[in-house]
Protein backbone atom coordinates (compact mmCIF):
# COMPACT_ATOMS: atom_id res chain seq x y z
CA MET A 1 110.76 137.31 58.78
CA GLY A 2 110.38 133.55 59.24
CA GLU A 3 114.12 133.05 59.70
CA SER A 4 114.48 135.83 62.24
CA PHE A 5 111.50 134.44 64.12
CA GLY A 6 113.08 131.01 64.10
CA GLU A 7 116.36 132.37 65.44
CA LYS A 8 114.56 134.27 68.16
CA THR A 9 112.62 131.16 69.16
CA ILE A 10 115.76 129.02 69.29
CA ASP A 11 117.59 131.65 71.36
CA ALA A 12 114.68 132.03 73.75
CA ASP A 13 114.34 128.26 74.25
CA ALA A 14 118.10 127.85 74.73
CA LEU A 15 118.17 130.72 77.22
CA LYS A 16 115.34 129.23 79.27
CA LEU A 17 117.20 125.93 79.30
CA ALA A 18 120.43 127.63 80.35
CA GLU A 19 118.62 129.28 83.25
CA LEU A 20 117.89 125.76 84.50
CA GLY A 21 121.56 124.81 84.23
CA TYR A 22 121.60 122.89 80.94
CA ALA A 23 123.21 123.53 77.56
CA GLN A 24 121.23 123.16 74.32
CA ASP A 25 122.94 119.96 73.13
CA THR A 26 120.17 118.68 70.87
CA LYS A 27 118.54 120.29 67.85
CA ARG A 28 114.96 121.50 68.16
CA ASN A 29 113.86 119.89 64.91
CA LEU A 30 110.65 118.22 66.08
CA SER A 31 107.20 119.68 65.43
CA VAL A 32 104.25 119.19 67.73
CA TRP A 33 103.04 116.46 65.35
CA SER A 34 106.37 114.68 65.63
CA VAL A 35 106.23 114.81 69.42
CA LEU A 36 102.60 113.67 69.38
CA GLY A 37 103.62 110.89 67.00
CA VAL A 38 106.32 109.66 69.35
CA GLY A 39 104.13 110.05 72.44
CA PHE A 40 101.17 108.26 70.89
CA SER A 41 103.37 105.56 69.37
CA ILE A 42 104.74 104.76 72.83
CA THR A 43 101.35 104.57 74.56
CA ASN A 44 99.41 103.33 71.49
CA SER A 45 96.33 102.29 73.44
CA TRP A 46 94.51 100.29 70.77
CA LEU A 47 97.71 98.39 70.00
CA GLY A 48 98.09 97.63 73.71
CA ILE A 49 94.72 95.89 73.63
CA ALA A 50 95.68 94.00 70.47
CA LEU A 51 99.04 92.81 71.79
CA GLY A 52 97.82 92.04 75.31
CA LEU A 53 94.46 90.50 74.49
CA ALA A 54 95.36 87.13 76.06
CA SER A 55 95.42 88.41 79.64
CA GLY A 56 92.36 90.58 79.13
CA ILE A 57 90.03 87.89 77.84
CA ASN A 58 90.94 85.49 80.64
CA SER A 59 90.64 88.01 83.47
CA GLY A 60 87.24 89.50 82.82
CA GLY A 61 86.58 89.09 79.12
CA PRO A 62 84.65 91.78 77.26
CA ILE A 63 83.47 93.51 80.43
CA LEU A 64 87.03 94.03 81.61
CA VAL A 65 88.20 95.47 78.30
CA ILE A 66 85.16 97.63 77.45
CA TYR A 67 84.64 99.13 80.90
CA GLY A 68 88.23 98.82 82.03
CA LEU A 69 89.25 101.09 79.17
CA ILE A 70 86.77 103.73 80.32
CA LEU A 71 88.12 103.53 83.87
CA MET A 72 91.73 103.69 82.72
CA ALA A 73 91.03 106.57 80.34
CA LEU A 74 89.69 108.58 83.28
CA ILE A 75 92.78 107.72 85.31
CA ALA A 76 94.95 108.60 82.30
CA VAL A 77 93.33 112.05 82.10
CA CYS A 78 94.36 112.68 85.71
CA VAL A 79 97.88 111.39 85.05
CA GLY A 80 98.11 113.42 81.83
CA VAL A 81 96.96 116.64 83.50
CA SER A 82 99.42 116.17 86.37
CA LEU A 83 102.32 115.59 83.98
CA SER A 84 101.23 118.35 81.60
CA GLU A 85 101.06 120.98 84.33
CA LEU A 86 104.60 120.17 85.45
CA ALA A 87 105.91 119.90 81.88
CA SER A 88 104.40 123.29 81.11
CA ALA A 89 105.80 124.95 84.23
CA LEU A 90 109.20 123.24 84.13
CA PRO A 91 109.92 121.97 80.61
CA ASN A 92 113.04 119.79 80.61
CA ALA A 93 114.12 116.50 79.04
CA GLY A 94 114.66 115.09 82.52
CA GLY A 95 110.93 115.13 83.14
CA GLN A 96 109.87 113.78 86.51
CA TYR A 97 113.34 113.48 88.09
CA PHE A 98 114.08 117.12 87.19
CA TRP A 99 110.75 118.31 88.57
CA THR A 100 111.43 116.47 91.81
CA ASN A 101 114.83 118.10 92.15
CA GLU A 102 113.28 121.53 91.68
CA LEU A 103 110.32 121.01 94.01
CA ALA A 104 111.58 118.82 96.85
CA PRO A 105 112.92 120.32 100.10
CA LYS A 106 116.66 120.90 99.79
CA ARG A 107 117.44 118.26 102.40
CA PHE A 108 115.76 115.53 100.38
CA ALA A 109 116.01 116.95 96.87
CA ASN A 110 119.01 114.99 95.62
CA PHE A 111 118.01 111.55 96.83
CA SER A 112 114.33 111.88 95.89
CA SER A 113 115.30 113.17 92.44
CA TYR A 114 117.88 110.40 92.03
CA LEU A 115 115.32 107.76 93.05
CA THR A 116 112.74 109.19 90.66
CA GLY A 117 115.21 109.14 87.77
CA TRP A 118 116.12 105.51 88.33
CA PHE A 119 112.48 104.42 88.63
CA ALA A 120 111.60 106.31 85.45
CA TRP A 121 114.49 104.85 83.47
CA ALA A 122 113.81 101.32 84.75
CA GLY A 123 110.14 101.75 83.85
CA SER A 124 111.03 102.83 80.33
CA ILE A 125 113.34 99.83 79.82
CA PHE A 126 110.70 97.43 81.13
CA SER A 127 108.13 99.07 78.85
CA THR A 128 110.38 98.53 75.84
CA ALA A 129 110.91 94.91 76.85
CA SER A 130 107.15 94.33 77.10
CA VAL A 131 106.59 95.73 73.60
CA ALA A 132 109.46 93.67 72.17
CA LEU A 133 108.00 90.53 73.79
CA SER A 134 104.50 91.17 72.43
CA THR A 135 105.79 91.98 68.94
CA GLY A 136 108.10 88.96 68.93
CA SER A 137 105.22 86.70 70.02
CA ALA A 138 103.09 88.06 67.16
CA LEU A 139 105.84 87.32 64.64
CA VAL A 140 106.22 83.73 65.83
CA GLY A 141 102.43 83.33 65.94
CA CYS A 142 102.18 84.32 62.26
CA TYR A 143 104.65 81.60 61.35
CA GLN A 144 102.79 79.01 63.43
CA LEU A 145 99.47 79.88 61.78
CA GLY A 146 100.91 78.99 58.40
CA HIS A 147 102.62 75.86 59.77
CA PRO A 148 100.09 74.11 62.05
CA ASP A 149 102.54 71.36 63.02
CA PHE A 150 105.03 73.89 64.36
CA VAL A 151 105.18 73.90 68.18
CA ILE A 152 106.23 77.22 69.64
CA GLU A 153 109.10 77.01 72.13
CA PRO A 154 110.35 79.81 74.40
CA TRP A 155 113.54 80.20 72.40
CA HIS A 156 111.54 80.96 69.25
CA VAL A 157 109.94 83.96 70.93
CA PHE A 158 113.31 84.92 72.44
CA VAL A 159 114.94 85.08 69.00
CA ALA A 160 112.04 87.11 67.56
CA TYR A 161 112.26 89.44 70.58
CA GLN A 162 115.95 90.10 69.95
CA VAL A 163 115.47 90.56 66.20
CA ALA A 164 112.72 93.13 66.78
CA ASN A 165 114.84 94.98 69.35
CA LEU A 166 117.87 95.07 67.03
CA PHE A 167 115.85 96.10 63.96
CA CYS A 168 114.20 99.02 65.77
CA PHE A 169 117.53 100.09 67.26
CA LEU A 170 118.65 101.35 63.85
CA PHE A 171 115.90 103.96 63.55
CA ASN A 172 117.20 105.96 66.51
CA THR A 173 120.76 106.32 65.29
CA GLN A 174 120.17 109.43 63.14
CA GLY A 175 118.49 112.50 64.59
CA ARG A 176 117.60 113.97 61.21
CA ILE A 177 115.20 111.11 60.41
CA LEU A 178 113.37 111.14 63.75
CA PRO A 179 110.72 113.69 62.67
CA LEU A 180 109.90 111.52 59.65
CA VAL A 181 109.92 108.36 61.77
CA GLY A 182 107.61 110.00 64.31
CA HIS A 183 105.10 110.90 61.60
CA ALA A 184 105.39 107.47 59.95
CA THR A 185 104.79 105.46 63.14
CA PHE A 186 101.85 107.67 64.09
CA TYR A 187 100.07 107.28 60.75
CA CYS A 188 101.02 103.61 60.46
CA SER A 189 99.24 102.97 63.76
CA LEU A 190 96.13 104.92 62.77
CA ILE A 191 95.94 103.25 59.34
CA SER A 192 96.37 99.79 60.88
CA PHE A 193 93.69 100.62 63.43
CA PHE A 194 91.21 101.66 60.76
CA ILE A 195 91.86 98.74 58.40
CA THR A 196 91.56 96.05 61.07
CA MET A 197 88.58 97.68 62.78
CA VAL A 198 86.61 97.86 59.52
CA THR A 199 87.77 94.70 57.79
CA ILE A 200 87.19 92.11 60.52
CA PRO A 201 83.50 92.92 61.16
CA ALA A 202 82.94 93.18 57.40
CA VAL A 203 84.29 89.70 56.59
CA ALA A 204 83.16 87.83 59.71
CA PRO A 205 80.45 85.29 58.73
CA THR A 206 78.63 85.75 62.04
CA HIS A 207 78.64 88.30 64.82
CA GLN A 208 78.21 88.25 68.57
CA HIS A 209 75.18 89.84 70.20
CA ALA A 210 75.38 93.02 72.22
CA LYS A 211 74.94 91.18 75.52
CA PHE A 212 78.16 89.26 74.92
CA VAL A 213 80.11 92.42 74.14
CA PHE A 214 78.77 94.64 76.92
CA ALA A 215 77.62 92.23 79.65
CA THR A 216 79.79 89.11 79.59
CA PHE A 217 82.32 88.49 82.34
CA ILE A 218 84.81 85.65 81.95
CA ASN A 219 86.96 84.45 84.82
CA ASN A 220 89.56 81.87 83.86
CA THR A 221 92.06 83.01 86.47
CA GLY A 222 91.22 80.56 89.24
CA TRP A 223 90.37 83.42 91.57
CA SER A 224 87.06 82.75 93.30
CA SER A 225 86.34 86.47 93.45
CA ASN A 226 85.36 88.09 90.17
CA GLY A 227 86.41 91.42 91.67
CA ILE A 228 89.98 90.23 92.17
CA ALA A 229 89.99 88.70 88.68
CA PHE A 230 88.88 92.06 87.27
CA ILE A 231 91.60 93.93 89.17
CA VAL A 232 94.26 91.48 88.03
CA GLY A 233 93.07 91.97 84.46
CA LEU A 234 93.33 95.75 84.79
CA VAL A 235 97.08 95.35 84.28
CA ASN A 236 96.28 94.86 80.59
CA THR A 237 94.00 97.89 80.16
CA ASN A 238 96.32 99.98 82.33
CA TRP A 239 99.22 99.01 80.04
CA CYS A 240 97.28 100.64 77.21
CA PHE A 241 97.57 104.04 78.89
CA SER A 242 101.06 103.71 80.33
CA CYS A 243 104.21 105.67 79.48
CA LEU A 244 102.47 109.05 79.24
CA ASP A 245 105.68 110.81 80.25
CA GLY A 246 107.28 109.83 76.92
CA ALA A 247 106.68 113.22 75.29
CA THR A 248 108.11 115.16 78.23
CA HIS A 249 111.60 113.84 77.51
CA LEU A 250 111.54 115.49 74.08
CA ALA A 251 111.15 118.95 75.64
CA GLU A 252 114.57 120.02 74.39
CA GLU A 253 113.90 118.94 70.81
CA VAL A 254 110.79 121.01 70.14
CA HIS A 255 110.10 124.76 70.15
CA ARG A 256 107.87 126.20 72.89
CA PRO A 257 107.82 122.95 74.89
CA GLU A 258 105.73 124.57 77.61
CA ARG A 259 102.83 124.49 75.13
CA MET A 260 103.71 121.62 72.81
CA ILE A 261 104.36 118.90 75.41
CA PRO A 262 100.93 119.22 77.12
CA ILE A 263 99.27 119.07 73.68
CA ALA A 264 101.15 115.85 72.92
CA ILE A 265 100.31 114.26 76.29
CA MET A 266 96.61 115.08 76.33
CA GLY A 267 96.32 114.31 72.60
CA THR A 268 97.78 110.87 73.28
CA VAL A 269 95.15 110.20 75.95
CA ALA A 270 92.26 111.40 73.77
CA ILE A 271 93.29 109.52 70.61
CA GLY A 272 94.22 106.48 72.70
CA PHE A 273 90.78 106.16 74.29
CA VAL A 274 88.81 106.68 71.08
CA THR A 275 90.87 104.20 69.08
CA SER A 276 91.14 101.50 71.78
CA TRP A 277 87.48 101.57 72.81
CA PHE A 278 85.95 101.41 69.35
CA TRP A 279 88.53 98.89 68.16
CA SER A 280 87.77 96.60 71.12
CA ILE A 281 84.03 96.75 70.49
CA SER A 282 84.63 95.91 66.83
CA MET A 283 86.76 92.87 67.70
CA PHE A 284 84.39 91.46 70.33
CA PHE A 285 81.42 91.71 67.96
CA SER A 286 83.49 89.82 65.37
CA ILE A 287 84.44 86.79 67.45
CA VAL A 288 83.60 83.62 65.52
CA GLY A 289 83.69 80.16 67.07
CA ASP A 290 84.56 78.99 70.55
CA PHE A 291 85.86 81.72 72.82
CA ASP A 292 88.11 79.35 74.79
CA ALA A 293 89.68 78.08 71.56
CA ILE A 294 90.65 81.65 70.68
CA ALA A 295 92.06 82.27 74.14
CA ASN A 296 94.13 79.07 73.98
CA SER A 297 95.20 79.31 70.34
CA ALA A 298 98.26 77.29 69.31
CA THR A 299 99.66 80.52 67.85
CA GLY A 300 99.95 81.98 71.35
CA VAL A 301 98.28 85.09 69.95
CA PRO A 302 94.48 85.15 70.50
CA LEU A 303 94.01 88.11 68.16
CA LEU A 304 95.62 86.22 65.29
CA GLN A 305 93.22 83.33 65.85
CA LEU A 306 90.33 85.80 65.95
CA PHE A 307 91.49 87.19 62.60
CA GLU A 308 91.75 83.71 61.07
CA ASN A 309 88.29 82.66 62.29
CA ALA A 310 86.67 85.85 61.01
CA ALA A 311 88.47 86.02 57.66
CA THR A 312 88.39 82.21 57.15
CA SER A 313 91.75 82.68 55.49
CA ILE A 314 95.25 82.10 56.83
CA ALA A 315 96.70 84.55 54.30
CA GLY A 316 94.15 87.21 55.16
CA ALA A 317 94.73 86.79 58.89
CA THR A 318 98.50 86.97 58.40
CA VAL A 319 98.22 90.20 56.41
CA LEU A 320 96.05 91.78 59.10
CA GLU A 321 98.41 90.61 61.84
CA ALA A 322 101.28 92.07 59.82
CA LEU A 323 99.65 95.47 60.33
CA ILE A 324 99.67 94.82 64.08
CA VAL A 325 103.33 93.83 63.90
CA ALA A 326 104.18 96.97 61.90
CA SER A 327 102.45 99.12 64.52
CA GLY A 328 104.24 97.17 67.26
CA LEU A 329 107.60 97.87 65.65
CA GLY A 330 106.68 101.56 65.43
CA CYS A 331 105.83 101.48 69.13
CA LEU A 332 109.17 99.81 69.84
CA ILE A 333 111.05 102.50 67.90
CA ALA A 334 109.30 105.20 69.94
CA CYS A 335 110.12 103.35 73.16
CA HIS A 336 113.78 103.34 72.15
CA THR A 337 113.61 107.11 71.70
CA TRP A 338 112.00 107.50 75.11
CA GLN A 339 114.40 105.32 77.10
CA SER A 340 117.50 106.80 75.44
CA ARG A 341 116.41 110.37 76.21
CA LEU A 342 115.74 109.45 79.81
CA CYS A 343 119.15 107.82 80.15
CA TRP A 344 120.91 110.73 78.44
CA SER A 345 119.21 113.46 80.46
CA PHE A 346 119.77 111.58 83.73
CA ALA A 347 123.43 111.10 82.83
CA ARG A 348 123.86 114.88 82.40
CA ASP A 349 123.22 115.15 86.13
CA ARG A 350 125.51 112.20 86.83
CA GLY A 351 122.61 110.00 87.88
CA VAL A 352 123.97 106.75 86.42
CA PRO A 353 127.37 105.02 86.39
CA GLY A 354 129.32 105.85 83.25
CA HIS A 355 127.59 109.21 82.96
CA GLN A 356 130.68 110.76 81.34
CA TRP A 357 130.00 108.55 78.30
CA LEU A 358 126.22 108.29 78.48
CA LYS A 359 125.66 112.07 78.42
CA ARG A 360 127.31 112.51 75.03
CA ILE A 361 125.45 113.57 71.91
CA THR A 362 127.21 111.85 69.01
CA PRO A 363 128.44 114.43 66.46
CA GLY A 364 126.88 113.96 63.04
CA CYS A 365 124.06 111.85 64.46
CA ASP A 366 122.54 114.48 66.80
CA VAL A 367 121.28 111.75 69.12
CA PRO A 368 122.70 110.23 72.33
CA ILE A 369 124.11 107.04 70.79
CA PRO A 370 125.85 105.83 74.00
CA ALA A 371 122.60 106.13 75.99
CA HIS A 372 120.69 104.47 73.15
CA VAL A 373 123.11 101.53 72.91
CA THR A 374 123.15 101.00 76.68
CA SER A 375 119.37 101.09 77.03
CA CYS A 376 118.84 98.66 74.15
CA LEU A 377 121.47 96.29 75.54
CA LEU A 378 119.60 96.23 78.86
CA VAL A 379 116.38 95.43 76.98
CA ALA A 380 118.21 92.56 75.24
CA VAL A 381 119.42 91.21 78.59
CA ILE A 382 115.93 91.36 80.10
CA GLY A 383 114.69 89.30 77.16
CA CYS A 384 116.78 86.39 78.41
CA LEU A 385 114.25 86.00 81.24
CA HIS A 386 111.85 84.48 78.72
CA LEU A 387 114.15 81.48 78.35
CA ALA A 388 113.87 80.81 82.08
CA SER A 389 110.24 81.74 82.69
CA SER A 390 107.64 83.51 80.61
CA THR A 391 105.88 84.46 83.84
CA ALA A 392 108.98 86.24 85.12
CA LEU A 393 109.18 88.39 81.99
CA ASN A 394 105.45 89.07 82.11
CA SER A 395 105.95 90.44 85.62
CA VAL A 396 107.90 93.35 84.20
CA ILE A 397 104.62 94.66 82.74
CA ALA A 398 103.19 95.15 86.22
CA ALA A 399 106.56 96.46 87.39
CA LEU A 400 106.77 99.08 84.65
CA LEU A 401 103.32 100.40 85.53
CA VAL A 402 104.07 100.78 89.22
CA LEU A 403 107.60 102.14 88.77
CA LEU A 404 106.33 104.78 86.34
CA TYR A 405 103.42 105.72 88.60
CA VAL A 406 105.80 106.11 91.54
CA SER A 407 108.08 108.28 89.39
CA TYR A 408 105.06 110.47 88.56
CA SER A 409 103.87 110.60 92.15
CA ILE A 410 107.12 111.74 93.77
CA PRO A 411 107.21 115.16 92.01
CA VAL A 412 103.46 115.55 92.54
CA ILE A 413 103.91 114.94 96.27
CA CYS A 414 106.70 117.53 96.29
CA LEU A 415 104.48 119.99 94.42
CA LEU A 416 101.61 119.57 96.89
CA ALA A 417 103.97 119.86 99.87
CA LYS A 418 105.56 123.02 98.44
CA GLY A 419 102.20 124.44 97.37
CA ARG A 420 100.73 124.42 93.87
CA ASN A 421 100.83 128.20 93.74
CA SER A 422 104.41 128.47 94.95
CA ILE A 423 105.84 127.90 91.48
CA LYS A 424 105.47 129.91 88.29
CA HIS A 425 102.65 128.35 86.31
CA GLY A 426 103.02 127.44 82.66
CA PRO A 427 100.41 128.02 79.95
CA PHE A 428 98.81 124.69 80.87
CA TRP A 429 97.54 125.00 84.42
CA LEU A 430 94.08 123.82 85.53
CA GLY A 431 93.83 125.09 89.09
CA SER A 432 91.41 123.12 91.27
CA PHE A 433 90.91 120.43 88.64
CA GLY A 434 94.66 120.00 88.50
CA LEU A 435 94.69 119.45 92.27
CA PHE A 436 91.93 116.84 91.91
CA CYS A 437 93.98 115.06 89.24
CA ASN A 438 97.05 115.11 91.50
CA ILE A 439 95.10 113.40 94.28
CA ILE A 440 93.66 110.74 91.94
CA LEU A 441 97.16 109.99 90.62
CA LEU A 442 98.48 109.46 94.15
CA LEU A 443 95.56 107.25 95.17
CA TRP A 444 95.86 105.15 92.02
CA THR A 445 99.59 104.71 92.58
CA VAL A 446 98.95 103.27 96.05
CA PHE A 447 96.26 101.01 94.59
CA THR A 448 98.56 99.63 91.89
CA ILE A 449 101.45 99.01 94.31
CA VAL A 450 99.19 96.69 96.31
CA MET A 451 96.80 95.14 93.78
CA PHE A 452 99.14 94.65 90.82
CA SER A 453 101.30 92.44 93.05
CA PHE A 454 98.62 89.73 93.17
CA PRO A 455 99.23 86.43 91.30
CA TYR A 456 97.74 86.35 87.81
CA SER A 457 95.99 83.06 88.50
CA MET A 458 95.25 80.69 91.35
CA PRO A 459 96.49 78.45 92.77
CA ALA A 460 99.80 80.26 92.62
CA THR A 461 102.72 78.10 91.51
CA ALA A 462 106.25 78.80 90.31
CA ASP A 463 104.86 79.05 86.76
CA THR A 464 101.95 81.36 87.59
CA MET A 465 103.37 83.49 90.38
CA ASN A 466 103.59 87.25 89.96
CA TYR A 467 107.27 88.07 90.48
CA VAL A 468 106.77 91.82 90.44
CA SER A 469 107.91 92.14 94.07
CA ALA A 470 111.21 90.52 93.11
CA VAL A 471 111.56 93.04 90.27
CA TYR A 472 111.03 95.91 92.73
CA ALA A 473 113.63 94.42 95.07
CA ILE A 474 116.26 94.09 92.32
CA VAL A 475 115.71 97.67 91.14
CA CYS A 476 115.87 99.03 94.69
CA ILE A 477 119.06 97.08 95.46
CA ILE A 478 120.75 98.46 92.32
CA VAL A 479 119.65 101.99 93.15
CA GLY A 480 120.65 101.69 96.81
CA VAL A 481 124.12 100.31 96.07
CA ASP A 482 124.84 102.94 93.42
CA TRP A 483 123.65 105.73 95.70
CA VAL A 484 125.86 104.62 98.59
CA LEU A 485 128.97 103.94 96.52
CA ARG A 486 128.68 106.79 94.01
CA GLY A 487 125.46 108.71 93.71
CA ARG A 488 125.41 110.62 96.99
CA TRP A 489 128.78 112.14 96.17
CA ASP A 490 128.52 112.44 92.42
CA TYR A 491 124.90 113.33 91.65
CA ARG A 492 124.43 116.90 90.40
CA GLY A 493 121.46 118.24 92.26
CA GLN A 494 119.65 121.53 92.44
CA ALA A 495 122.37 123.47 94.26
CA ALA A 496 125.20 122.44 91.92
CA ARG A 497 123.09 122.99 88.83
CA ARG A 498 122.04 126.49 89.88
CA ALA A 499 125.64 127.38 90.63
CA GLU A 500 126.47 126.53 87.03
CA ALA A 501 123.36 128.16 85.57
CA GLU A 502 124.59 131.76 85.92
CA ASP A 503 127.72 131.08 83.92
CA MET A 504 125.76 129.18 81.32
CA VAL A 505 123.28 132.04 80.88
CA ARG A 506 126.19 134.41 80.40
CA ARG A 507 127.67 132.18 77.72
CA GLU A 508 124.32 131.80 75.94
CA THR A 509 123.66 135.54 75.92
CA THR A 510 127.16 136.62 74.93
CA GLY A 511 127.77 133.83 72.45
CA ARG A 512 130.75 132.74 74.60
């Protein structure tokens, strides 16, 4: 009975996919826990606080992190609901670019879908680069802690960045191990969260008072306005709830994606808030010594210095930071999965140059190796920015947030223009609350476009400037040139896909 049920489920899922104009190229071998594991490992909210603590403590301190997380969790709920409704109604590995193509007016469908796909893929690559940078910095910081005379240079972090990127590349080369990897990274993160959250307060010789944790604002940004400093610092807490679309791009590798993908997205938000908020409180209560000394640690990693001060042991701090690094590597593996699936699905619709190669699923591996290799190479190239300017590479964090929000907003705008009740609803549909979440997502996107472009500190110099606007310009130039020279003629939009869908359905139902 189980086997026949499995066959029926596979056939039903493949048929639904064929009706949308796509063949079932990947195996549906992921469970809801595997998808949740990948989705949570990408977002990994508590790890985002751990890896990005430096910017948070200088742009608001405890108040920014504690209350910023609450604010961003509420925003993340609205983002998650908006994505979940669309993923439930239109499950497809293309995610937001596919939704846009289905919902936009025919006149604008191809270009708006094409633009969404590029923004989403660029956002995923920038996200991966930001995780590789943070993990590489943590690795170098561990070495510096054990060798106090060692002075960290940009090339040290660059090498660690590339090593982390290459190491994690290997885990996405075999599809059969991805379910195990998804489970492993998920539990590794939760175990690391629990050990560090419990151990540091337990071993710290002294603890901060509640006023410091819940009512202390620190502004080391140079901005005269604490409000602007807080907003600038929100980039860090927002990073902790970014990349929520990650699970949607696994829709063709799990059964009943219309139900499983929303569970993964909303589960990521819920687990992310609980872990990040309690972990942050635990760390702030455990700060020992001068706060500025932690923020300006020679390791370049404030959390590592916090560990060393609390544990009064270099070895103990290194072991605890190793758990952070392990979780960071798990996050990087999940990011590789995400960006490769985006590239592969977009290539199926001829959205990128070289799509003939990038759309291939490698036989025997059951994963899109060409898309995986290309995406990881782009991450490696972006890492070279750190040799020129650490500020320039840090700007990709703000860029990834805004590019992803824009990629979420375009299909939501199309949905609202078409009418929320004009499409067939999936099992996850929240009616009026869903509409409210759509509006909040759009308003927050506009807010981030403007406010996340502000310099991180004042006075603004070449070393402290926020180059996010330059990042937007480069992405838009690449997209514009490709569209004019190739995309407008080559991109497979809604009309072409539906013309092919009938034949594909026939082949799926008749077994060819």
